[in-house]
């Protein structure tokens, strides 16, 4: 067993084991903003249907408290919802990724799920979920995509996105 002194991995420069006056907090903090959006589905939304939930700056750091909520949207079949990042700006180095944030949220019973898969991805900038290598400084879309089976019930999907820009 060993004693360790670890720091967070999100560019936490200026944070030492010895407290400093006015220490630089790194980029792990900031003023929290919230974007909430709701869509009403139809009883016959097919596979590959998409729902636009948000258009946020590419540097928006998506927090782990972000959730997706939905009604029971299927009496038959097993529709799934993937949440992804889409390039609406025409930026050449950003490619649409329909399941960049999370995939396989089961819509056949009313419940909720995390917007982001994996705690290691909490606090990443939105562009980090895309294929680009640097922040393109554009707005990116967050969309949901129906996969595996069609929706068979009218219902509601709501997304609550908590993020920081600073």
N, C-alpha and C. Protein backbone atom coordinates (compact mmCIF):
# COMPACT_ATOMS: atom_id res chain seq x y z
N UNK A 1 0.84 -1.16 0.00
CA UNK A 1 0.00 0.00 0.00
C UNK A 1 0.89 1.23 0.00
N UNK A 2 0.49 2.26 -0.77
CA UNK A 2 1.31 3.46 -0.88
C UNK A 2 0.47 4.71 -0.69
N UNK A 3 1.10 5.74 -0.14
CA UNK A 3 0.46 7.04 -0.01
C UNK A 3 0.66 7.78 -1.32
N UNK A 4 -0.42 8.33 -1.89
CA UNK A 4 -0.31 9.07 -3.14
C UNK A 4 -0.95 10.44 -2.96
N UNK A 5 -0.53 11.38 -3.77
CA UNK A 5 -1.11 12.72 -3.82
C UNK A 5 -1.45 13.00 -5.27
N UNK A 6 -2.72 12.87 -5.64
CA UNK A 6 -3.14 12.96 -7.03
C UNK A 6 -3.88 14.25 -7.30
N UNK A 7 -3.86 14.67 -8.57
CA UNK A 7 -4.63 15.82 -9.04
C UNK A 7 -5.58 15.33 -10.12
N UNK A 8 -6.64 16.09 -10.35
CA UNK A 8 -7.55 15.78 -11.45
C UNK A 8 -6.82 15.88 -12.78
N UNK A 9 -7.37 15.24 -13.79
CA UNK A 9 -6.71 15.16 -15.09
C UNK A 9 -7.11 16.26 -16.05
N UNK A 10 -7.94 17.19 -15.66
CA UNK A 10 -8.45 18.22 -16.56
C UNK A 10 -7.62 19.50 -16.52
N UNK A 11 -6.32 19.41 -16.76
CA UNK A 11 -5.46 20.58 -16.84
C UNK A 11 -5.53 21.39 -15.55
N UNK A 12 -5.25 20.75 -14.46
CA UNK A 12 -5.38 21.39 -13.15
C UNK A 12 -4.09 22.09 -12.74
N UNK A 13 -3.48 22.85 -13.63
CA UNK A 13 -2.28 23.59 -13.31
C UNK A 13 -2.57 24.60 -12.22
N UNK A 14 -1.62 24.82 -11.37
CA UNK A 14 -1.78 25.79 -10.31
C UNK A 14 -2.34 25.20 -9.03
N UNK A 15 -2.78 23.96 -9.07
CA UNK A 15 -3.29 23.31 -7.86
C UNK A 15 -2.18 22.42 -7.31
N UNK A 16 -1.69 22.75 -6.16
CA UNK A 16 -0.64 21.97 -5.52
C UNK A 16 -1.17 21.36 -4.25
N UNK A 17 -0.38 20.44 -3.68
CA UNK A 17 -0.78 19.88 -2.40
C UNK A 17 -0.66 20.93 -1.30
N UNK A 18 0.13 22.00 -1.53
CA UNK A 18 0.24 23.10 -0.60
C UNK A 18 -0.68 24.22 -1.05
N UNK A 19 -1.64 24.64 -0.23
CA UNK A 19 -2.57 25.69 -0.65
C UNK A 19 -1.84 27.00 -0.95
N UNK A 20 -2.32 27.72 -1.96
CA UNK A 20 -1.78 29.02 -2.32
C UNK A 20 -2.90 30.05 -2.23
N UNK A 21 -2.54 31.27 -2.02
CA UNK A 21 -3.50 32.36 -2.06
C UNK A 21 -3.84 32.60 -3.53
N UNK A 22 -5.13 32.69 -3.85
CA UNK A 22 -5.59 32.95 -5.21
C UNK A 22 -5.06 31.91 -6.20
N UNK A 23 -5.06 30.65 -5.84
CA UNK A 23 -4.58 29.60 -6.74
C UNK A 23 -5.46 29.52 -7.98
N UNK A 24 -4.84 29.28 -9.12
CA UNK A 24 -5.57 29.10 -10.38
C UNK A 24 -6.38 27.82 -10.28
N UNK A 25 -7.70 27.88 -10.45
CA UNK A 25 -8.51 26.69 -10.29
C UNK A 25 -8.45 25.74 -11.48
N UNK A 26 -7.62 26.01 -12.49
CA UNK A 26 -7.60 25.15 -13.66
C UNK A 26 -8.90 25.31 -14.42
N UNK A 27 -9.29 24.31 -15.20
CA UNK A 27 -10.53 24.44 -15.95
C UNK A 27 -11.60 23.48 -15.44
N UNK A 28 -11.49 23.08 -14.19
CA UNK A 28 -12.46 22.15 -13.62
C UNK A 28 -13.68 22.83 -13.03
N UNK A 29 -13.75 24.14 -13.05
CA UNK A 29 -14.87 24.86 -12.46
C UNK A 29 -15.51 25.81 -13.44
N UNK A 30 -16.42 26.59 -12.95
CA UNK A 30 -17.06 27.58 -13.79
C UNK A 30 -18.51 27.78 -13.41
N UNK A 31 -19.12 28.80 -14.00
CA UNK A 31 -20.53 29.07 -13.76
C UNK A 31 -21.36 28.03 -14.52
N UNK A 32 -22.24 27.35 -13.81
CA UNK A 32 -23.05 26.29 -14.42
C UNK A 32 -24.25 26.91 -15.12
N UNK A 33 -24.46 26.44 -16.33
CA UNK A 33 -25.63 26.83 -17.13
C UNK A 33 -26.46 25.58 -17.34
N UNK A 34 -27.74 25.76 -17.66
CA UNK A 34 -28.61 24.62 -17.91
C UNK A 34 -29.43 24.87 -19.16
N UNK A 35 -29.49 23.86 -20.00
CA UNK A 35 -30.33 23.89 -21.21
C UNK A 35 -31.32 22.73 -21.06
N UNK A 36 -32.60 23.04 -21.10
CA UNK A 36 -33.64 22.00 -21.02
C UNK A 36 -34.49 22.09 -22.26
N UNK A 37 -34.71 20.94 -22.89
CA UNK A 37 -35.52 20.90 -24.10
C UNK A 37 -36.37 19.64 -24.09
N UNK A 38 -37.59 19.78 -24.60
CA UNK A 38 -38.54 18.67 -24.66
C UNK A 38 -39.05 18.51 -26.08
N UNK A 39 -39.20 17.25 -26.52
CA UNK A 39 -39.86 16.96 -27.79
C UNK A 39 -41.01 16.00 -27.52
N UNK A 40 -42.05 16.14 -28.29
CA UNK A 40 -43.19 15.24 -28.23
C UNK A 40 -43.09 14.30 -29.43
N UNK A 41 -43.00 13.01 -29.15
CA UNK A 41 -42.85 12.03 -30.22
C UNK A 41 -44.21 11.63 -30.79
N UNK A 42 -44.18 11.01 -31.94
CA UNK A 42 -45.38 10.46 -32.58
C UNK A 42 -45.41 8.95 -32.35
N UNK A 43 -46.55 8.35 -32.58
CA UNK A 43 -46.69 6.91 -32.38
C UNK A 43 -46.07 6.10 -33.51
N UNK A 44 -45.53 6.76 -34.51
CA UNK A 44 -44.95 6.02 -35.63
C UNK A 44 -43.60 6.58 -36.06
N UNK A 45 -42.83 7.14 -35.12
CA UNK A 45 -41.48 7.62 -35.44
C UNK A 45 -40.61 6.41 -35.71
N UNK A 46 -40.00 6.38 -36.89
CA UNK A 46 -39.26 5.19 -37.32
C UNK A 46 -37.79 5.25 -36.90
N UNK A 47 -37.12 4.14 -37.10
CA UNK A 47 -35.68 4.06 -36.88
C UNK A 47 -35.02 5.14 -37.73
N UNK A 48 -34.00 5.76 -37.20
CA UNK A 48 -33.24 6.86 -37.82
C UNK A 48 -33.91 8.23 -37.65
N UNK A 49 -35.08 8.29 -37.00
CA UNK A 49 -35.68 9.59 -36.68
C UNK A 49 -34.74 10.31 -35.73
N UNK A 50 -34.62 11.63 -35.89
CA UNK A 50 -33.75 12.42 -35.01
C UNK A 50 -34.54 13.53 -34.35
N UNK A 51 -34.07 13.92 -33.17
CA UNK A 51 -34.68 15.00 -32.40
C UNK A 51 -33.57 15.96 -31.99
N UNK A 52 -33.69 17.22 -32.39
CA UNK A 52 -32.71 18.24 -32.02
C UNK A 52 -33.06 18.77 -30.64
N UNK A 53 -32.12 18.62 -29.72
CA UNK A 53 -32.34 19.06 -28.34
C UNK A 53 -31.60 20.34 -27.98
N UNK A 54 -30.45 20.58 -28.58
CA UNK A 54 -29.68 21.77 -28.20
C UNK A 54 -28.68 22.12 -29.29
N UNK A 55 -28.34 23.37 -29.33
CA UNK A 55 -27.22 23.87 -30.15
C UNK A 55 -26.37 24.68 -29.18
N UNK A 56 -25.19 24.13 -28.86
CA UNK A 56 -24.32 24.73 -27.86
C UNK A 56 -22.95 25.04 -28.44
N UNK A 57 -22.22 25.96 -27.83
CA UNK A 57 -20.86 26.23 -28.28
C UNK A 57 -19.98 24.99 -28.13
N UNK A 58 -19.06 24.83 -29.05
CA UNK A 58 -18.20 23.64 -29.05
C UNK A 58 -17.34 23.55 -27.79
N UNK A 59 -17.11 24.66 -27.10
CA UNK A 59 -16.32 24.61 -25.87
C UNK A 59 -17.16 24.38 -24.62
N UNK A 60 -18.45 24.13 -24.75
CA UNK A 60 -19.31 23.85 -23.60
C UNK A 60 -18.86 22.54 -22.94
N UNK A 61 -18.54 22.60 -21.66
CA UNK A 61 -18.12 21.42 -20.91
C UNK A 61 -19.36 20.78 -20.29
N UNK A 62 -19.71 19.59 -20.78
CA UNK A 62 -20.94 18.93 -20.36
C UNK A 62 -20.71 18.22 -19.02
N UNK A 63 -21.56 18.52 -18.05
CA UNK A 63 -21.40 17.99 -16.70
C UNK A 63 -22.17 16.68 -16.51
N UNK A 64 -21.72 15.91 -15.56
CA UNK A 64 -22.27 14.58 -15.30
C UNK A 64 -23.70 14.57 -14.78
N UNK A 65 -24.22 15.71 -14.34
CA UNK A 65 -25.60 15.77 -13.86
C UNK A 65 -26.60 15.80 -15.01
N UNK A 66 -26.13 15.92 -16.23
CA UNK A 66 -27.00 16.00 -17.40
C UNK A 66 -27.74 14.68 -17.60
N UNK A 67 -29.05 14.77 -17.87
CA UNK A 67 -29.90 13.58 -17.99
C UNK A 67 -30.84 13.66 -19.19
N UNK A 68 -31.32 12.49 -19.56
CA UNK A 68 -32.39 12.34 -20.55
C UNK A 68 -33.54 11.64 -19.83
N UNK A 69 -34.75 12.15 -20.02
CA UNK A 69 -35.96 11.57 -19.40
C UNK A 69 -36.94 11.23 -20.51
N UNK A 70 -37.69 10.12 -20.37
CA UNK A 70 -38.64 9.76 -21.40
C UNK A 70 -39.81 8.96 -20.85
N UNK A 71 -40.92 9.05 -21.59
CA UNK A 71 -42.10 8.25 -21.30
C UNK A 71 -41.91 6.84 -21.86
N UNK A 72 -42.84 5.94 -21.55
CA UNK A 72 -42.89 4.62 -22.19
C UNK A 72 -43.30 4.87 -23.64
N UNK A 73 -42.39 4.62 -24.58
CA UNK A 73 -42.62 4.96 -25.98
C UNK A 73 -42.83 3.75 -26.88
N UNK A 74 -43.02 2.57 -26.29
CA UNK A 74 -43.23 1.39 -27.13
C UNK A 74 -44.03 0.31 -26.41
N UNK A 75 -45.08 -0.18 -27.07
CA UNK A 75 -45.80 -1.35 -26.55
C UNK A 75 -45.29 -2.61 -27.23
N UNK A 76 -44.67 -2.45 -28.40
CA UNK A 76 -44.02 -3.57 -29.09
C UNK A 76 -42.65 -3.11 -29.55
N UNK A 77 -41.75 -4.06 -29.72
CA UNK A 77 -40.40 -3.70 -30.15
C UNK A 77 -39.60 -3.13 -29.00
N UNK A 78 -38.35 -2.83 -29.29
CA UNK A 78 -37.44 -2.31 -28.28
C UNK A 78 -36.64 -1.14 -28.84
N UNK A 79 -37.29 0.03 -29.03
CA UNK A 79 -36.57 1.18 -29.56
C UNK A 79 -35.52 1.68 -28.56
N UNK A 80 -34.41 2.12 -29.11
CA UNK A 80 -33.34 2.70 -28.31
C UNK A 80 -33.10 4.13 -28.76
N UNK A 81 -32.53 4.93 -27.87
CA UNK A 81 -32.19 6.31 -28.18
C UNK A 81 -30.69 6.49 -27.99
N UNK A 82 -30.03 6.95 -29.04
CA UNK A 82 -28.63 7.35 -28.96
C UNK A 82 -28.58 8.87 -28.90
N UNK A 83 -27.64 9.41 -28.15
CA UNK A 83 -27.46 10.86 -28.07
C UNK A 83 -26.09 11.21 -28.63
N UNK A 84 -26.09 12.13 -29.60
CA UNK A 84 -24.84 12.42 -30.29
C UNK A 84 -24.61 13.89 -30.56
N UNK A 85 -23.46 14.13 -31.17
CA UNK A 85 -23.01 15.47 -31.53
C UNK A 85 -23.02 15.58 -33.05
N UNK A 86 -23.59 16.67 -33.54
CA UNK A 86 -23.75 16.86 -34.98
C UNK A 86 -23.19 18.21 -35.41
N UNK A 87 -22.60 18.21 -36.57
CA UNK A 87 -21.98 19.40 -37.15
C UNK A 87 -23.02 20.14 -37.96
N UNK A 88 -23.51 21.24 -37.45
CA UNK A 88 -24.47 22.04 -38.20
C UNK A 88 -23.78 23.22 -38.86
N UNK A 89 -22.50 23.41 -38.57
CA UNK A 89 -21.79 24.60 -39.03
C UNK A 89 -21.05 24.41 -40.34
N UNK A 90 -20.93 23.16 -40.81
CA UNK A 90 -20.16 22.90 -42.02
C UNK A 90 -18.66 22.84 -41.78
N UNK A 91 -18.24 22.83 -40.52
CA UNK A 91 -16.82 22.76 -40.17
C UNK A 91 -16.25 21.44 -40.70
N UNK A 92 -15.22 21.49 -41.49
CA UNK A 92 -14.73 20.32 -42.21
C UNK A 92 -14.11 19.25 -41.31
N UNK A 93 -13.54 19.62 -40.16
CA UNK A 93 -12.89 18.60 -39.34
C UNK A 93 -13.80 18.03 -38.25
N UNK A 94 -15.08 18.34 -38.28
CA UNK A 94 -16.04 17.78 -37.33
C UNK A 94 -17.00 16.88 -38.10
N UNK A 95 -17.07 15.61 -37.68
CA UNK A 95 -17.95 14.64 -38.31
C UNK A 95 -19.09 14.29 -37.36
N UNK A 96 -20.31 14.18 -37.89
CA UNK A 96 -21.45 13.78 -37.07
C UNK A 96 -21.16 12.45 -36.38
N UNK A 97 -21.52 12.36 -35.11
CA UNK A 97 -21.38 11.12 -34.36
C UNK A 97 -22.65 10.91 -33.56
N UNK A 98 -23.59 10.09 -34.09
CA UNK A 98 -24.91 9.96 -33.48
C UNK A 98 -24.94 9.34 -32.09
N UNK A 99 -23.86 8.68 -31.66
CA UNK A 99 -23.86 8.12 -30.31
C UNK A 99 -22.64 8.57 -29.51
N UNK A 100 -22.15 9.76 -29.80
CA UNK A 100 -20.95 10.27 -29.14
C UNK A 100 -21.13 10.46 -27.64
N UNK A 101 -22.33 10.84 -27.20
CA UNK A 101 -22.56 11.10 -25.78
C UNK A 101 -23.01 9.85 -25.05
N UNK A 102 -23.98 9.16 -25.60
CA UNK A 102 -24.46 7.90 -25.01
C UNK A 102 -25.21 7.11 -26.06
N UNK A 103 -25.31 5.81 -25.86
CA UNK A 103 -26.10 5.01 -26.79
C UNK A 103 -26.89 3.94 -26.05
N UNK A 104 -27.99 3.55 -26.69
CA UNK A 104 -28.77 2.44 -26.19
C UNK A 104 -29.67 2.74 -25.00
N UNK A 105 -30.20 3.95 -24.89
CA UNK A 105 -31.19 4.23 -23.84
C UNK A 105 -32.50 3.56 -24.24
N UNK A 106 -32.96 2.62 -23.43
CA UNK A 106 -34.14 1.80 -23.77
C UNK A 106 -35.43 2.58 -23.54
N UNK A 107 -36.18 2.80 -24.62
CA UNK A 107 -37.39 3.64 -24.57
C UNK A 107 -38.68 2.86 -24.30
N UNK A 108 -38.59 1.56 -24.06
CA UNK A 108 -39.78 0.74 -23.88
C UNK A 108 -40.39 0.84 -22.48
N UNK A 109 -39.78 1.61 -21.60
CA UNK A 109 -40.40 1.89 -20.31
C UNK A 109 -39.98 3.28 -19.86
N UNK A 110 -40.87 3.97 -19.17
CA UNK A 110 -40.61 5.34 -18.73
C UNK A 110 -39.53 5.34 -17.65
N UNK A 111 -38.47 6.07 -17.90
CA UNK A 111 -37.38 6.18 -16.94
C UNK A 111 -36.47 7.33 -17.35
N UNK A 112 -35.21 7.27 -16.96
CA UNK A 112 -34.24 8.29 -17.35
C UNK A 112 -32.86 7.67 -17.39
N UNK A 113 -31.94 8.39 -17.98
CA UNK A 113 -30.56 7.92 -18.06
C UNK A 113 -29.60 9.09 -18.17
N UNK A 114 -28.35 8.83 -17.90
CA UNK A 114 -27.32 9.86 -18.02
C UNK A 114 -27.15 10.26 -19.47
N UNK A 115 -26.92 11.54 -19.71
CA UNK A 115 -26.66 12.01 -21.06
C UNK A 115 -25.30 11.54 -21.56
N UNK A 116 -24.36 11.38 -20.64
CA UNK A 116 -22.99 11.02 -21.03
C UNK A 116 -22.63 9.66 -20.46
N UNK A 117 -22.15 8.77 -21.36
CA UNK A 117 -21.62 7.47 -20.94
C UNK A 117 -20.26 7.66 -20.30
N UNK A 118 -20.03 7.05 -19.18
CA UNK A 118 -18.70 7.00 -18.57
C UNK A 118 -18.32 8.23 -17.80
N UNK A 119 -18.02 8.04 -16.52
CA UNK A 119 -17.64 9.17 -15.67
C UNK A 119 -16.35 9.84 -16.15
N UNK A 120 -15.52 9.12 -16.89
CA UNK A 120 -14.29 9.71 -17.40
C UNK A 120 -14.58 10.80 -18.43
N UNK A 121 -15.82 10.86 -18.95
CA UNK A 121 -16.20 11.85 -19.95
C UNK A 121 -16.92 13.06 -19.36
N UNK A 122 -17.21 13.05 -18.06
CA UNK A 122 -17.86 14.19 -17.43
C UNK A 122 -16.92 15.39 -17.50
N UNK A 123 -17.44 16.54 -17.88
CA UNK A 123 -16.65 17.75 -17.93
C UNK A 123 -15.86 17.96 -19.20
N UNK A 124 -15.97 17.03 -20.16
CA UNK A 124 -15.29 17.23 -21.44
C UNK A 124 -16.03 18.28 -22.25
N UNK A 125 -15.28 19.02 -23.04
CA UNK A 125 -15.88 19.99 -23.95
C UNK A 125 -16.64 19.23 -25.04
N UNK A 126 -17.69 19.83 -25.53
CA UNK A 126 -18.53 19.19 -26.55
C UNK A 126 -17.72 18.77 -27.76
N UNK A 127 -16.76 19.58 -28.18
CA UNK A 127 -15.96 19.22 -29.35
C UNK A 127 -15.12 17.98 -29.10
N UNK A 128 -14.80 17.66 -27.84
CA UNK A 128 -14.05 16.45 -27.52
C UNK A 128 -14.84 15.18 -27.85
N UNK A 129 -16.16 15.30 -27.93
CA UNK A 129 -16.99 14.15 -28.28
C UNK A 129 -17.08 13.97 -29.80
N UNK A 130 -16.61 14.96 -30.54
CA UNK A 130 -16.61 14.89 -32.00
C UNK A 130 -15.23 14.38 -32.45
N UNK A 131 -15.02 14.36 -33.75
CA UNK A 131 -13.78 13.79 -34.27
C UNK A 131 -12.67 14.81 -34.47
N UNK A 132 -12.91 16.08 -34.21
CA UNK A 132 -11.89 17.09 -34.41
C UNK A 132 -10.77 16.99 -33.39
N UNK A 133 -9.62 17.57 -33.73
CA UNK A 133 -8.47 17.52 -32.84
C UNK A 133 -8.29 18.80 -32.03
N UNK A 134 -8.99 19.86 -32.41
CA UNK A 134 -8.95 21.13 -31.67
C UNK A 134 -10.35 21.72 -31.64
N UNK A 135 -10.55 22.66 -30.72
CA UNK A 135 -11.84 23.32 -30.62
C UNK A 135 -12.07 24.16 -31.88
N UNK A 136 -13.12 23.85 -32.66
CA UNK A 136 -13.38 24.62 -33.88
C UNK A 136 -14.06 25.96 -33.62
N UNK A 137 -14.44 26.22 -32.37
CA UNK A 137 -15.11 27.48 -31.99
C UNK A 137 -16.36 27.73 -32.83
N UNK A 138 -17.22 26.72 -32.90
CA UNK A 138 -18.50 26.81 -33.61
C UNK A 138 -19.58 26.25 -32.70
N UNK A 139 -20.83 26.39 -33.11
CA UNK A 139 -21.93 25.75 -32.40
C UNK A 139 -22.10 24.33 -32.93
N UNK A 140 -22.38 23.39 -32.02
CA UNK A 140 -22.62 22.00 -32.38
C UNK A 140 -24.00 21.60 -31.87
N UNK A 141 -24.65 20.71 -32.61
CA UNK A 141 -25.98 20.24 -32.23
C UNK A 141 -25.89 18.99 -31.38
N UNK A 142 -26.79 18.88 -30.41
CA UNK A 142 -26.98 17.65 -29.65
C UNK A 142 -28.33 17.10 -30.09
N UNK A 143 -28.29 15.90 -30.67
CA UNK A 143 -29.50 15.27 -31.18
C UNK A 143 -29.64 13.86 -30.62
N UNK A 144 -30.89 13.42 -30.55
CA UNK A 144 -31.19 12.04 -30.24
C UNK A 144 -31.58 11.33 -31.52
N UNK A 145 -31.20 10.06 -31.66
CA UNK A 145 -31.53 9.25 -32.83
C UNK A 145 -32.17 7.95 -32.38
N UNK A 146 -33.31 7.60 -32.97
CA UNK A 146 -33.98 6.34 -32.67
C UNK A 146 -33.27 5.21 -33.41
N UNK A 147 -32.98 4.13 -32.70
CA UNK A 147 -32.33 2.96 -33.30
C UNK A 147 -33.08 1.69 -32.93
N UNK A 148 -32.81 0.64 -33.63
CA UNK A 148 -33.26 -0.74 -33.38
C UNK A 148 -34.73 -1.02 -33.66
N UNK A 149 -35.63 -0.12 -33.33
CA UNK A 149 -37.07 -0.34 -33.57
C UNK A 149 -37.79 1.00 -33.55
N UNK A 150 -38.95 1.04 -34.18
CA UNK A 150 -39.74 2.27 -34.21
C UNK A 150 -40.42 2.52 -32.87
N UNK A 151 -40.74 3.78 -32.62
CA UNK A 151 -41.55 4.15 -31.47
C UNK A 151 -43.00 3.82 -31.82
N UNK A 152 -43.73 3.27 -30.85
CA UNK A 152 -45.13 2.90 -31.12
C UNK A 152 -46.13 3.67 -30.25
N UNK A 153 -45.64 4.60 -29.44
CA UNK A 153 -46.50 5.37 -28.55
C UNK A 153 -46.17 6.85 -28.63
N UNK A 154 -47.19 7.69 -28.50
CA UNK A 154 -46.97 9.13 -28.36
C UNK A 154 -46.37 9.36 -26.98
N UNK A 155 -45.41 10.25 -26.89
CA UNK A 155 -44.82 10.52 -25.59
C UNK A 155 -43.86 11.68 -25.61
N UNK A 156 -43.13 11.81 -24.52
CA UNK A 156 -42.25 12.95 -24.30
C UNK A 156 -40.83 12.47 -24.04
N UNK A 157 -39.86 13.19 -24.62
CA UNK A 157 -38.45 13.02 -24.29
C UNK A 157 -37.94 14.41 -23.88
N UNK A 158 -37.32 14.48 -22.72
CA UNK A 158 -36.77 15.73 -22.23
C UNK A 158 -35.30 15.54 -21.91
N UNK A 159 -34.51 16.52 -22.30
CA UNK A 159 -33.08 16.51 -22.02
C UNK A 159 -32.75 17.72 -21.17
N UNK A 160 -32.00 17.49 -20.10
CA UNK A 160 -31.49 18.55 -19.22
C UNK A 160 -29.97 18.50 -19.32
N UNK A 161 -29.39 19.57 -19.87
CA UNK A 161 -27.95 19.61 -20.08
C UNK A 161 -27.36 20.68 -19.17
N UNK A 162 -26.49 20.24 -18.27
CA UNK A 162 -25.75 21.16 -17.39
C UNK A 162 -24.35 21.30 -17.97
N UNK A 163 -23.90 22.55 -18.11
CA UNK A 163 -22.59 22.78 -18.73
C UNK A 163 -21.97 24.08 -18.23
N UNK A 164 -20.69 24.22 -18.48
CA UNK A 164 -19.98 25.46 -18.19
C UNK A 164 -19.28 25.93 -19.46
N UNK A 165 -19.02 27.21 -19.53
CA UNK A 165 -18.26 27.78 -20.64
C UNK A 165 -16.98 28.42 -20.17
N UNK A 166 -16.79 28.53 -18.85
CA UNK A 166 -15.60 29.21 -18.34
C UNK A 166 -14.79 28.32 -17.44
